[in-house]
Amino acid sequence: MLANDITADVELVRSMVARYFPIYDVKVSYESVKMLVRPDETMLESNFESLRQDMKAKGFVPFISYSGGEHAVTVLRLPQGKKRNLWINRALLVITFMTTTLAGMLLWSDYSGSQELLTVDNFLNGAVFFAIPLMAILGIHELSHYVMSKRHKVDASLPYFIPSIPPFGTFGAFISMRDPMPSRRALVEIGIAGPLGGLAVTIPVALIGLFLTANGHAVEGSIGQAGAMYIVIQPLYQLLSLLVPMSENMALHPTAFAAWVGFLVTAINLLPVGQLDGGHVARGLLGDKAKYLGYVTFMALVLVAMLYDGWFLFALLVFFLGLNHPAPLNDISKLPKRTLVVGTAGLLLLTVTFVPQPIIVVTPDYSFEMTALGGNNTTVAAGGMVVFQVFINNTGNVDNELRLTLEDVPGNWSASLFLSNSSAVDATNVLDLSLGYETNATVTVQVQLPGGVSEITRDISLVAEATGLDKVQVLTINVV
C-alpha cells in the first residue's frame, strides 16, 4: 500500500488515526496497516468521518470494523484517479438531446397524425413535449445523487447521459462515484436522493401530460398492419390520473409518455439489489443481510420475465454486475431515525411505481365471424333459385381484406354472390371484400338449380379467407 519509505508512511497513518481513536495494537502488511482501537461510541461516526477526510487529502482510505469484541481501523492507499473530461459529459448531453428529440418527433408525428417526420414543427414539438421533460427527469435524478454525494463529501462526477434509439431515445443517465461510500447513512441518503429527486419532477410532468392528453383527441381506427405497443400505467400514475378527468380512449400525449418513462426509471432504480439505488438503500438499512433481499429481487425479476421478456435481460445485467453490495467504510454506526424512515419510505415507493408487465405488444388480429341469417338450410324444387344472406363481422383489431369463394357447387348448377347492398348484376363466384375495423357486411349467395333434379341434399361451401385465417360456412340445399 505504501510509498518508498514504508516506515514513514506507517508512522503517518498511525499518527492520523491516533488523533481520533486510541490505538493499542498495530499490524502492518504489504497492502495495508491495521490498528486495533478503542473508540468513543458516541463520537465514532463523526470521528471516523473526520479521519476519512484527513486521510483522503493524503491519498489514503480507512475502513472501520468490529469483530470478536474488537474495533479495527484498516488503512489502504487510494488508487490514483483519472483526470476528468467534462467534454464527455457535454457531448453525451447534446447527443442524447438529439436522440430523445428524434424519439419525440416520432411520438409527436404519430400523435398528431403528421405525414412528414422531418419538419421544424415536429422537431420543436418533439423537443418541448418529450425530450426536455424526459431529460429533466433523468437529469434531476442524477443531480440529486450528485448534490447528496457532495453533502457527504463523496467525490462524484456530473451526470453522463446515454443515448439510444426510439421509442425512448436514451438508456438513462448515471454518475460515477469516485470515492467509496463512507457509511450506511451515506448509502441510504445518496441512494434514495436520486429516485426522490426524479419523482419530484416526474409527478408534475405527469399532471401536465395528463392535462394535454385530456385536451387532445381520442384514439380511432385499427392498430395498423404493423401491430401496436401498449403501456401499462403504474399505480401512482393511475392515482394521479384521478385528478385530471378525461374521456375514454384518449390518445396518450408524448409528455404523458415521458412521465411514464420517469415512473419506470424510478421503479427500476428502486429495485433493492446490487449497485442500483435500491441496492444502496437496502445495504444501508439492512447491512450484510441485504444480500438476501437482493437474491429474492433477482428471482422475482426472473419470474416476471415470463410476462415481459425485457426483465430477463435486466436480470442478466444485474447478475453480471453483482447481486451483492460492498460494505461502506464505516459499517458499524447505527442509522439516525430520520434516515431510517426516509430510506424505508423510499423503498416502499417501488410498490406504486413498478408493474410486472410495463409494455404489451399487440399483434394484428385478422379474426372474423360468418353467420347465415335465417339459417343455413333450405328446401327448393328443381329449377328453382335458393338465396342465402350471410352476415360477416370483423372481430379482429385491423382492417381486413377477405376473399369469398363458393365451392362444392355441382357442375350443372349456377351459384354466385354479391354484397347485399349492391345489385345482383354485380354477382360473381369470387368476391373480394374490404372489411374495416369494427365493421361488418352482409353477402347474398344465390344458387340456381337446373330442372330435372330430384330429391337430393347438397352442401355448398362459402369459403372466406383473410391473412393467415380461413373459415367455411356450409349452406345445405334440399331439392324435392
Protein backbone atom coordinates (compact mmCIF):
# COMPACT_ATOMS: atom_id res chain seq x y z
CA MET A 1 0.00 0.00 0.00
CA LEU A 2 2.74 2.39 0.92
CA ALA A 3 5.37 4.53 -0.76
CA ASN A 4 9.13 4.01 -0.82
CA ASP A 5 9.63 4.87 2.83
CA ILE A 6 7.23 2.36 4.37
CA THR A 7 8.25 3.25 7.92
CA ALA A 8 7.40 6.89 7.38
CA ASP A 9 4.03 6.01 5.84
CA VAL A 10 3.14 3.68 8.71
CA GLU A 11 4.02 6.36 11.23
CA LEU A 12 1.98 8.95 9.30
CA VAL A 13 -1.05 6.66 9.19
CA ARG A 14 -0.69 5.73 12.88
CA SER A 15 -0.46 9.38 13.93
CA MET A 16 -3.54 10.32 11.90
CA VAL A 17 -5.64 7.51 13.38
CA ALA A 18 -4.39 8.34 16.89
CA ARG A 19 -5.92 11.83 16.65
CA TYR A 20 -9.39 10.28 16.75
CA PHE A 21 -9.04 6.77 18.19
CA PRO A 22 -6.80 5.42 20.95
CA ILE A 23 -4.60 2.67 19.45
CA TYR A 24 -3.49 -0.40 21.38
CA ASP A 25 -2.05 -2.55 18.60
CA VAL A 26 -0.69 -2.08 15.07
CA LYS A 27 -0.37 -4.75 12.38
CA VAL A 28 1.43 -3.95 9.11
CA SER A 29 1.18 -5.90 5.86
CA TYR A 30 2.34 -5.16 2.32
CA GLU A 31 -1.11 -3.87 1.33
CA SER A 32 -2.45 -2.24 4.48
CA VAL A 33 -1.98 -1.07 8.06
CA LYS A 34 -4.44 -2.43 10.61
CA MET A 35 -4.83 -0.77 14.00
CA LEU A 36 -6.90 -2.06 16.89
CA VAL A 37 -8.59 0.91 18.57
CA ARG A 38 -10.85 1.82 21.48
CA PRO A 39 -13.37 4.30 20.04
CA ASP A 40 -15.77 6.55 21.91
CA GLU A 41 -19.07 5.03 20.76
CA THR A 42 -20.89 8.35 20.95
CA MET A 43 -18.31 10.03 18.68
CA LEU A 44 -17.43 7.08 16.45
CA GLU A 45 -19.26 8.24 13.31
CA SER A 46 -18.11 11.88 13.43
CA ASN A 47 -14.54 10.95 14.36
CA PHE A 48 -14.32 8.39 11.58
CA GLU A 49 -15.67 10.89 9.05
CA SER A 50 -13.02 13.41 10.12
CA LEU A 51 -10.36 10.72 9.83
CA ARG A 52 -11.62 9.82 6.34
CA GLN A 53 -11.32 13.42 5.16
CA ASP A 54 -7.82 13.80 6.63
CA MET A 55 -6.64 10.59 5.02
CA LYS A 56 -8.25 11.38 1.68
CA ALA A 57 -6.09 14.50 1.48
CA LYS A 58 -3.00 12.32 1.96
CA GLY A 59 -4.06 9.64 -0.52
CA PHE A 60 -5.31 7.03 1.98
CA VAL A 61 -8.70 5.46 2.74
CA PRO A 62 -9.66 3.95 6.13
CA PHE A 63 -12.14 1.18 6.97
CA ILE A 64 -13.53 0.58 10.45
CA SER A 65 -14.87 -2.81 11.51
CA TYR A 66 -15.98 -4.64 14.64
CA SER A 67 -15.32 -8.35 15.15
CA GLY A 68 -14.62 -10.58 18.14
CA GLY A 69 -15.17 -7.72 20.56
CA GLU A 70 -12.52 -5.53 18.91
CA HIS A 71 -12.69 -2.40 16.76
CA ALA A 72 -10.16 -2.18 13.94
CA VAL A 73 -9.21 0.62 11.57
CA THR A 74 -7.62 -0.65 8.35
CA VAL A 75 -5.91 1.82 6.02
CA LEU A 76 -5.21 1.38 2.30
CA ARG A 77 -3.70 3.69 -0.24
CA LEU A 78 -6.25 5.26 -2.61
CA PRO A 79 -5.76 4.34 -6.27
CA GLN A 80 -4.86 7.25 -8.49
CA GLY A 81 -7.95 8.61 -10.22
CA LYS A 82 -8.07 9.62 -13.86
CA LYS A 83 -8.31 13.23 -14.90
CA ARG A 84 -11.88 14.33 -15.52
CA ASN A 85 -13.00 15.30 -19.01
CA LEU A 86 -16.17 17.37 -18.79
CA TRP A 87 -16.36 17.45 -22.58
CA ILE A 88 -17.55 13.82 -22.45
CA ASN A 89 -20.49 14.82 -20.24
CA ARG A 90 -21.30 17.73 -22.53
CA ALA A 91 -21.03 15.68 -25.73
CA LEU A 92 -23.27 12.93 -24.34
CA LEU A 93 -25.75 15.58 -23.17
CA VAL A 94 -26.00 17.02 -26.69
CA ILE A 95 -26.15 13.62 -28.40
CA THR A 96 -28.82 12.35 -26.01
CA PHE A 97 -30.85 15.50 -26.51
CA MET A 98 -30.81 14.83 -30.24
CA THR A 99 -31.76 11.14 -29.88
CA THR A 100 -34.57 11.89 -27.42
CA THR A 101 -35.77 14.68 -29.71
CA LEU A 102 -35.84 12.20 -32.59
CA ALA A 103 -37.87 9.84 -30.40
CA GLY A 104 -40.12 12.77 -29.53
CA MET A 105 -40.54 13.63 -33.21
CA LEU A 106 -41.73 10.09 -33.94
CA LEU A 107 -44.10 10.21 -30.98
CA TRP A 108 -45.43 13.64 -31.96
CA SER A 109 -45.81 12.62 -35.61
CA ASP A 110 -47.84 9.58 -34.58
CA TYR A 111 -49.86 11.60 -32.03
CA SER A 112 -50.65 14.47 -34.39
CA GLY A 113 -51.15 12.33 -37.48
CA SER A 114 -48.43 14.19 -39.36
CA GLN A 115 -47.45 12.57 -42.64
CA GLU A 116 -43.94 14.08 -42.62
CA LEU A 117 -41.36 13.45 -39.90
CA LEU A 118 -38.52 15.87 -40.71
CA THR A 119 -40.26 19.19 -40.23
CA VAL A 120 -39.48 22.13 -37.96
CA ASP A 121 -42.86 21.70 -36.27
CA ASN A 122 -42.15 18.06 -35.44
CA PHE A 123 -38.66 18.93 -34.17
CA LEU A 124 -39.91 21.66 -31.84
CA ASN A 125 -42.82 19.61 -30.53
CA GLY A 126 -40.65 16.53 -30.11
CA ALA A 127 -38.11 18.53 -28.11
CA VAL A 128 -40.57 20.52 -25.99
CA PHE A 129 -43.11 17.81 -25.30
CA PHE A 130 -40.82 14.79 -24.90
CA ALA A 131 -37.05 15.32 -24.92
CA ILE A 132 -36.90 18.19 -22.42
CA PRO A 133 -39.35 16.65 -19.88
CA LEU A 134 -37.65 13.24 -20.04
CA MET A 135 -34.11 14.62 -19.77
CA ALA A 136 -35.22 16.86 -16.90
CA ILE A 137 -36.48 13.79 -15.03
CA LEU A 138 -33.26 11.85 -15.66
CA GLY A 139 -31.03 14.85 -15.06
CA ILE A 140 -32.60 15.84 -11.73
CA HIS A 141 -32.44 12.20 -10.65
CA GLU A 142 -28.68 12.10 -11.17
CA LEU A 143 -28.05 15.64 -9.91
CA SER A 144 -29.84 14.69 -6.68
CA HIS A 145 -27.31 11.89 -6.24
CA TYR A 146 -24.54 14.38 -7.04
CA VAL A 147 -25.69 17.01 -4.53
CA MET A 148 -26.17 14.45 -1.77
CA SER A 149 -22.73 12.99 -2.54
CA LYS A 150 -21.23 16.44 -2.04
CA ARG A 151 -23.07 16.79 1.29
CA HIS A 152 -21.42 13.55 2.43
CA LYS A 153 -18.07 14.68 0.98
CA VAL A 154 -18.04 11.84 -1.52
CA ASP A 155 -16.39 12.69 -4.83
CA ALA A 156 -18.76 12.10 -7.76
CA SER A 157 -18.95 13.08 -11.42
CA LEU A 158 -21.60 15.13 -13.13
CA PRO A 159 -24.26 13.08 -14.98
CA TYR A 160 -23.40 11.05 -18.06
CA PHE A 161 -26.42 10.68 -20.37
CA ILE A 162 -26.67 7.53 -22.51
CA PRO A 163 -28.17 7.98 -26.00
CA SER A 164 -30.33 5.29 -27.55
CA ILE A 165 -32.84 4.69 -30.32
CA PRO A 166 -36.62 5.35 -30.22
CA PRO A 167 -39.08 4.92 -28.61
CA PHE A 168 -37.15 6.29 -25.59
CA GLY A 169 -34.11 7.84 -27.24
CA THR A 170 -31.99 7.19 -24.13
CA PHE A 171 -30.91 4.39 -21.83
CA GLY A 172 -30.92 6.84 -18.91
CA ALA A 173 -28.06 8.54 -17.14
CA PHE A 174 -25.57 7.83 -14.37
CA ILE A 175 -22.91 9.46 -12.24
CA SER A 176 -19.53 7.98 -11.44
CA MET A 177 -18.72 7.63 -7.72
CA ARG A 178 -15.01 8.32 -7.30
CA ASP A 179 -14.88 7.59 -3.58
CA PRO A 180 -16.05 4.51 -1.66
CA MET A 181 -19.26 5.00 0.32
CA PRO A 182 -18.24 6.26 3.78
CA SER A 183 -21.14 4.95 5.90
CA ARG A 184 -24.50 3.23 5.96
CA ARG A 185 -26.11 6.63 6.38
CA ALA A 186 -24.42 7.91 3.24
CA LEU A 187 -25.53 4.79 1.37
CA VAL A 188 -29.17 5.40 2.24
CA GLU A 189 -29.21 9.16 1.72
CA ILE A 190 -27.20 9.20 -1.51
CA GLY A 191 -29.06 6.16 -2.84
CA ILE A 192 -32.57 7.45 -2.19
CA ALA A 193 -31.86 11.04 -3.27
CA GLY A 194 -32.00 10.11 -6.99
CA PRO A 195 -35.40 8.39 -7.03
CA LEU A 196 -36.93 11.09 -4.82
CA GLY A 197 -35.47 13.89 -6.93
CA GLY A 198 -36.57 12.26 -10.18
CA LEU A 199 -40.04 11.60 -8.77
CA ALA A 200 -40.35 15.24 -7.74
CA VAL A 201 -40.05 16.12 -11.44
CA THR A 202 -41.98 13.13 -12.79
CA ILE A 203 -45.18 13.94 -10.85
CA PRO A 204 -45.69 17.48 -12.29
CA VAL A 205 -44.67 16.23 -15.75
CA ALA A 206 -47.32 13.50 -15.37
CA LEU A 207 -50.01 16.02 -14.42
CA ILE A 208 -49.09 18.24 -17.38
CA GLY A 209 -49.08 15.18 -19.67
CA LEU A 210 -52.48 14.07 -18.38
CA PHE A 211 -53.91 17.56 -18.94
CA LEU A 212 -52.57 17.62 -22.52
CA THR A 213 -53.92 14.10 -23.09
CA ALA A 214 -57.37 15.06 -21.77
CA ASN A 215 -57.47 18.04 -24.15
CA GLY A 216 -56.24 16.07 -27.13
CA HIS A 217 -58.08 13.58 -29.32
CA ALA A 218 -59.49 10.10 -28.98
CA VAL A 219 -57.88 7.01 -30.46
CA GLU A 220 -59.77 5.79 -33.51
CA GLY A 221 -59.37 3.00 -36.01
CA SER A 222 -57.34 -0.18 -36.07
CA ILE A 223 -53.86 -0.78 -34.69
CA GLY A 224 -52.42 -0.97 -38.21
CA GLN A 225 -50.76 -3.78 -40.09
CA ALA A 226 -47.54 -3.45 -38.06
CA GLY A 227 -49.30 -4.01 -34.73
CA ALA A 228 -49.08 -1.73 -31.72
CA MET A 229 -47.32 -1.28 -28.40
CA TYR A 230 -49.40 -0.57 -25.31
CA ILE A 231 -48.00 0.63 -21.99
CA VAL A 232 -49.33 -0.34 -18.57
CA ILE A 233 -49.83 2.67 -16.33
CA GLN A 234 -48.18 2.43 -12.90
CA PRO A 235 -50.34 2.58 -9.73
CA LEU A 236 -49.06 6.04 -8.73
CA TYR A 237 -49.69 7.31 -12.26
CA GLN A 238 -53.22 5.87 -12.14
CA LEU A 239 -53.80 7.71 -8.87
CA LEU A 240 -52.66 10.99 -10.42
CA SER A 241 -54.99 10.41 -13.38
CA LEU A 242 -57.95 10.71 -10.99
CA LEU A 243 -57.08 14.39 -10.63
CA VAL A 244 -57.48 15.02 -14.39
CA PRO A 245 -60.90 14.00 -15.75
CA MET A 246 -60.81 12.76 -19.32
CA SER A 247 -62.88 10.80 -21.82
CA GLU A 248 -62.14 7.17 -22.62
CA ASN A 249 -59.71 6.09 -25.35
CA MET A 250 -57.79 9.38 -25.43
CA ALA A 251 -54.50 9.28 -27.34
CA LEU A 252 -51.54 9.44 -24.95
CA HIS A 253 -49.68 12.75 -25.31
CA PRO A 254 -45.86 12.49 -25.68
CA THR A 255 -45.40 14.40 -22.39
CA ALA A 256 -47.57 11.84 -20.63
CA PHE A 257 -45.36 9.13 -22.13
CA ALA A 258 -42.25 10.93 -20.84
CA ALA A 259 -43.76 10.79 -17.35
CA TRP A 260 -44.46 7.07 -17.79
CA VAL A 261 -40.78 6.55 -18.62
CA GLY A 262 -39.92 8.57 -15.50
CA PHE A 263 -42.00 6.27 -13.28
CA LEU A 264 -40.44 3.23 -14.99
CA VAL A 265 -36.92 4.57 -14.34
CA THR A 266 -37.83 5.22 -10.69
CA ALA A 267 -39.09 1.66 -10.27
CA ILE A 268 -36.02 0.12 -11.89
CA ASN A 269 -33.65 2.16 -9.74
CA LEU A 270 -35.55 1.28 -6.55
CA LEU A 271 -35.08 -2.47 -7.05
CA PRO A 272 -33.17 -3.48 -3.89
CA VAL A 273 -30.35 -5.41 -5.50
CA GLY A 274 -26.69 -4.88 -6.38
CA GLN A 275 -25.47 -1.39 -7.28
CA LEU A 276 -28.92 0.02 -8.09
CA ASP A 277 -30.19 2.89 -5.95
CA GLY A 278 -32.44 0.45 -4.13
CA GLY A 279 -29.41 -1.77 -3.56
CA HIS A 280 -27.59 1.15 -1.90
CA VAL A 281 -30.58 1.86 0.32
CA ALA A 282 -31.13 -1.78 1.23
CA ARG A 283 -27.44 -2.24 2.14
CA GLY A 284 -27.58 0.85 4.32
CA LEU A 285 -30.78 -0.23 6.05
CA LEU A 286 -30.11 -3.96 6.47
CA GLY A 287 -26.33 -4.23 6.47
CA ASP A 288 -24.95 -7.52 5.19
CA LYS A 289 -28.44 -9.10 5.36
CA ALA A 290 -29.40 -7.00 2.34
CA LYS A 291 -27.84 -9.69 0.15
CA TYR A 292 -30.81 -11.98 0.86
CA LEU A 293 -33.22 -9.29 -0.32
CA GLY A 294 -31.05 -8.96 -3.42
CA TYR A 295 -31.35 -12.69 -4.14
CA VAL A 296 -35.15 -12.52 -3.75
CA THR A 297 -35.31 -9.49 -6.06
CA PHE A 298 -33.25 -11.26 -8.70
CA MET A 299 -35.51 -14.31 -8.60
CA ALA A 300 -38.57 -12.06 -8.80
CA LEU A 301 -37.15 -10.45 -11.95
CA VAL A 302 -36.65 -13.88 -13.49
CA LEU A 303 -40.27 -14.80 -12.67
CA VAL A 304 -41.83 -11.60 -14.05
CA ALA A 305 -39.74 -12.12 -17.18
CA MET A 306 -42.44 -14.68 -18.10
CA LEU A 307 -44.78 -11.69 -18.51
CA TYR A 308 -42.30 -9.29 -20.08
CA ASP A 309 -39.04 -10.62 -21.50
CA GLY A 310 -37.30 -7.27 -21.01
CA TRP A 311 -37.00 -8.13 -17.31
CA PHE A 312 -34.93 -11.19 -18.17
CA LEU A 313 -32.31 -9.07 -19.94
CA PHE A 314 -32.31 -6.70 -17.00
CA ALA A 315 -31.94 -9.65 -14.57
CA LEU A 316 -28.89 -10.81 -16.52
CA LEU A 317 -27.39 -7.32 -16.34
CA VAL A 318 -27.95 -7.19 -12.58
CA PHE A 319 -26.44 -10.66 -12.19
CA PHE A 320 -23.25 -9.84 -14.09
CA LEU A 321 -22.83 -6.51 -12.26
CA GLY A 322 -23.16 -8.35 -8.95
CA LEU A 323 -26.08 -9.16 -6.68
CA ASN A 324 -24.22 -8.16 -3.52
CA HIS A 325 -23.36 -4.64 -2.46
CA PRO A 326 -19.91 -3.88 -0.99
CA ALA A 327 -19.79 -2.67 2.60
CA PRO A 328 -19.24 1.04 3.29
CA LEU A 329 -16.07 2.22 5.04
CA ASN A 330 -17.98 2.55 8.31
CA ASP A 331 -20.39 -0.36 8.50
CA ILE A 332 -20.99 -0.30 12.24
CA SER A 333 -22.55 3.09 13.08
CA LYS A 334 -26.32 2.99 13.55
CA LEU A 335 -28.65 4.94 11.30
CA PRO A 336 -30.41 8.09 12.56
CA LYS A 337 -34.17 7.62 12.85
CA ARG A 338 -34.82 10.18 10.11
CA THR A 339 -32.55 8.34 7.65
CA LEU A 340 -34.20 5.04 8.57
CA VAL A 341 -37.68 6.45 7.90
CA VAL A 342 -36.72 8.16 4.62
CA GLY A 343 -34.92 5.06 3.31
CA THR A 344 -37.77 2.71 4.21
CA ALA A 345 -40.41 5.03 2.75
CA GLY A 346 -38.32 5.42 -0.39
CA LEU A 347 -38.10 1.68 -0.95
CA LEU A 348 -41.86 1.38 -0.46
CA LEU A 349 -42.29 3.66 -3.47
CA LEU A 350 -41.40 0.59 -5.51
CA THR A 351 -44.87 -0.80 -4.78
CA VAL A 352 -46.58 2.14 -6.53
CA THR A 353 -44.15 2.60 -9.45
CA PHE A 354 -43.46 -1.00 -10.51
CA VAL A 355 -45.63 -3.02 -12.89
CA PRO A 356 -44.74 -6.62 -13.83
CA GLN A 357 -45.62 -6.09 -17.49
CA PRO A 358 -44.86 -2.47 -18.42
CA ILE A 359 -45.20 -2.99 -22.18
CA ILE A 360 -47.70 -5.12 -24.07
CA VAL A 361 -47.08 -5.77 -27.75
CA VAL A 362 -50.31 -6.33 -29.67
CA THR A 363 -50.03 -8.15 -32.99
CA PRO A 364 -52.52 -7.77 -35.84
CA ASP A 365 -55.60 -9.96 -35.43
CA TYR A 366 -57.47 -10.76 -38.64
CA SER A 367 -60.32 -12.66 -36.97
CA PHE A 368 -63.84 -12.52 -38.37
CA GLU A 369 -67.16 -14.34 -37.95
CA MET A 370 -69.68 -15.60 -40.53
CA THR A 371 -73.34 -16.36 -39.78
CA ALA A 372 -76.11 -17.41 -42.17
CA LEU A 373 -79.12 -15.20 -41.49
CA GLY A 374 -82.33 -17.19 -41.29
CA GLY A 375 -80.40 -20.45 -41.09
CA ASN A 376 -78.09 -22.29 -43.47
CA ASN A 377 -80.57 -24.98 -44.52
CA THR A 378 -83.33 -24.58 -47.09
CA THR A 379 -85.55 -26.66 -49.37
CA VAL A 380 -86.26 -25.88 -53.02
CA ALA A 381 -87.91 -27.52 -56.02
CA ALA A 382 -86.00 -28.47 -59.15
CA GLY A 383 -85.46 -25.48 -61.44
CA GLY A 384 -85.84 -23.03 -58.56
CA MET A 385 -83.46 -20.49 -57.04
CA VAL A 386 -82.07 -20.50 -53.49
CA VAL A 387 -80.98 -17.27 -51.76
CA PHE A 388 -78.93 -17.10 -48.54
CA GLN A 389 -77.94 -13.99 -46.56
CA VAL A 390 -74.56 -14.36 -44.80
CA PHE A 391 -73.52 -11.83 -42.14
CA ILE A 392 -69.75 -11.26 -41.87
CA ASN A 393 -68.35 -9.35 -38.87
CA ASN A 394 -64.76 -8.11 -38.40
CA THR A 395 -63.86 -9.21 -34.84
CA GLY A 396 -60.13 -8.50 -35.15
CA ASN A 397 -58.17 -5.34 -34.46
CA VAL A 398 -57.19 -4.35 -38.01
CA ASP A 399 -58.83 -3.55 -41.32
CA ASN A 400 -59.40 -6.85 -43.07
CA GLU A 401 -59.25 -7.94 -46.69
CA LEU A 402 -61.29 -11.06 -47.36
CA ARG A 403 -61.76 -13.22 -50.43
CA LEU A 404 -65.03 -15.16 -50.58
CA THR A 405 -65.48 -18.11 -52.92
CA LEU A 406 -68.18 -20.75 -53.45
CA GLU A 407 -67.02 -24.35 -53.56
CA ASP A 408 -68.55 -27.82 -53.97
CA VAL A 409 -71.10 -26.46 -56.45
CA PRO A 410 -72.32 -29.15 -58.93
CA GLY A 411 -71.20 -28.51 -62.47
CA ASN A 412 -74.71 -28.01 -63.85
CA TRP A 413 -75.77 -25.63 -61.07
CA SER A 414 -75.24 -21.87 -61.18
CA ALA A 415 -74.02 -20.10 -58.00
CA SER A 416 -72.86 -16.54 -57.35
CA LEU A 417 -72.51 -13.98 -54.54
CA PHE A 418 -72.61 -10.21 -54.13
CA LEU A 419 -72.86 -7.59 -51.40
CA SER A 420 -76.44 -7.33 -50.24
CA ASN A 421 -76.44 -3.55 -50.57
CA SER A 422 -75.43 -3.78 -54.23
CA SER A 423 -77.17 -5.10 -57.32
CA ALA A 424 -77.42 -8.72 -58.43
CA VAL A 425 -75.81 -7.64 -61.68
CA ASP A 426 -72.56 -7.47 -59.68
CA ALA A 427 -72.83 -11.17 -58.77
CA THR A 428 -69.65 -13.22 -59.07
CA ASN A 429 -68.34 -16.54 -57.85
CA VAL A 430 -65.25 -14.86 -56.23
CA LEU A 431 -65.87 -11.74 -54.14
CA ASP A 432 -63.07 -9.56 -52.69
CA LEU A 433 -64.40 -7.78 -49.62
CA SER A 434 -62.75 -4.93 -47.70
CA LEU A 435 -63.97 -5.09 -44.12
CA GLY A 436 -62.82 -2.20 -41.97
CA TYR A 437 -62.02 -2.35 -38.25
CA GLU A 438 -65.20 -2.95 -36.18
CA THR A 439 -67.35 -3.05 -39.32
CA ASN A 440 -69.50 -5.74 -40.90
CA ALA A 441 -71.20 -6.61 -44.17
CA THR A 442 -73.95 -8.86 -45.48
CA VAL A 443 -73.32 -11.02 -48.52
CA THR A 444 -76.04 -12.57 -50.66
CA VAL A 445 -75.47 -16.07 -52.00
CA GLN A 446 -77.81 -17.23 -54.78
CA VAL A 447 -77.95 -20.69 -56.30
CA GLN A 448 -79.92 -21.53 -59.48
CA LEU A 449 -80.92 -25.20 -59.84
CA PRO A 450 -81.49 -26.85 -63.20
CA GLY A 451 -84.70 -28.71 -63.96
CA GLY A 452 -84.91 -32.48 -63.63
CA VAL A 453 -83.09 -32.64 -60.29
CA SER A 454 -84.93 -34.84 -57.82
CA GLU A 455 -84.72 -35.49 -54.07
CA ILE A 456 -81.11 -34.67 -53.34
CA THR A 457 -79.35 -32.90 -50.48
CA ARG A 458 -76.28 -30.92 -51.41
CA ASP A 459 -73.86 -28.88 -49.23
CA ILE A 460 -72.30 -25.82 -50.81
CA SER A 461 -69.34 -24.18 -49.04
CA LEU A 462 -68.83 -20.43 -48.75
CA VAL A 463 -65.11 -20.09 -48.05
CA ALA A 464 -63.77 -16.79 -46.66
CA GLU A 465 -60.01 -16.21 -46.49
CA ALA A 466 -58.14 -13.47 -44.65
CA THR A 467 -54.45 -13.09 -43.75
CA GLY A 468 -53.49 -16.33 -42.05
CA LEU A 469 -57.13 -17.33 -41.48
CA ASP A 470 -59.90 -19.05 -43.36
CA LYS A 471 -63.44 -20.03 -42.42
CA VAL A 472 -66.12 -22.07 -44.11
CA GLN A 473 -69.87 -21.54 -43.94
CA VAL A 474 -71.73 -24.66 -45.12
CA LEU A 475 -75.02 -23.96 -46.89
CA THR A 476 -77.30 -27.01 -47.18
CA ILE A 477 -79.82 -27.23 -50.04
CA ASN A 478 -82.54 -29.91 -50.06
CA VAL A 479 -84.03 -30.50 -53.55
CA VAL A 480 -87.52 -32.03 -53.79
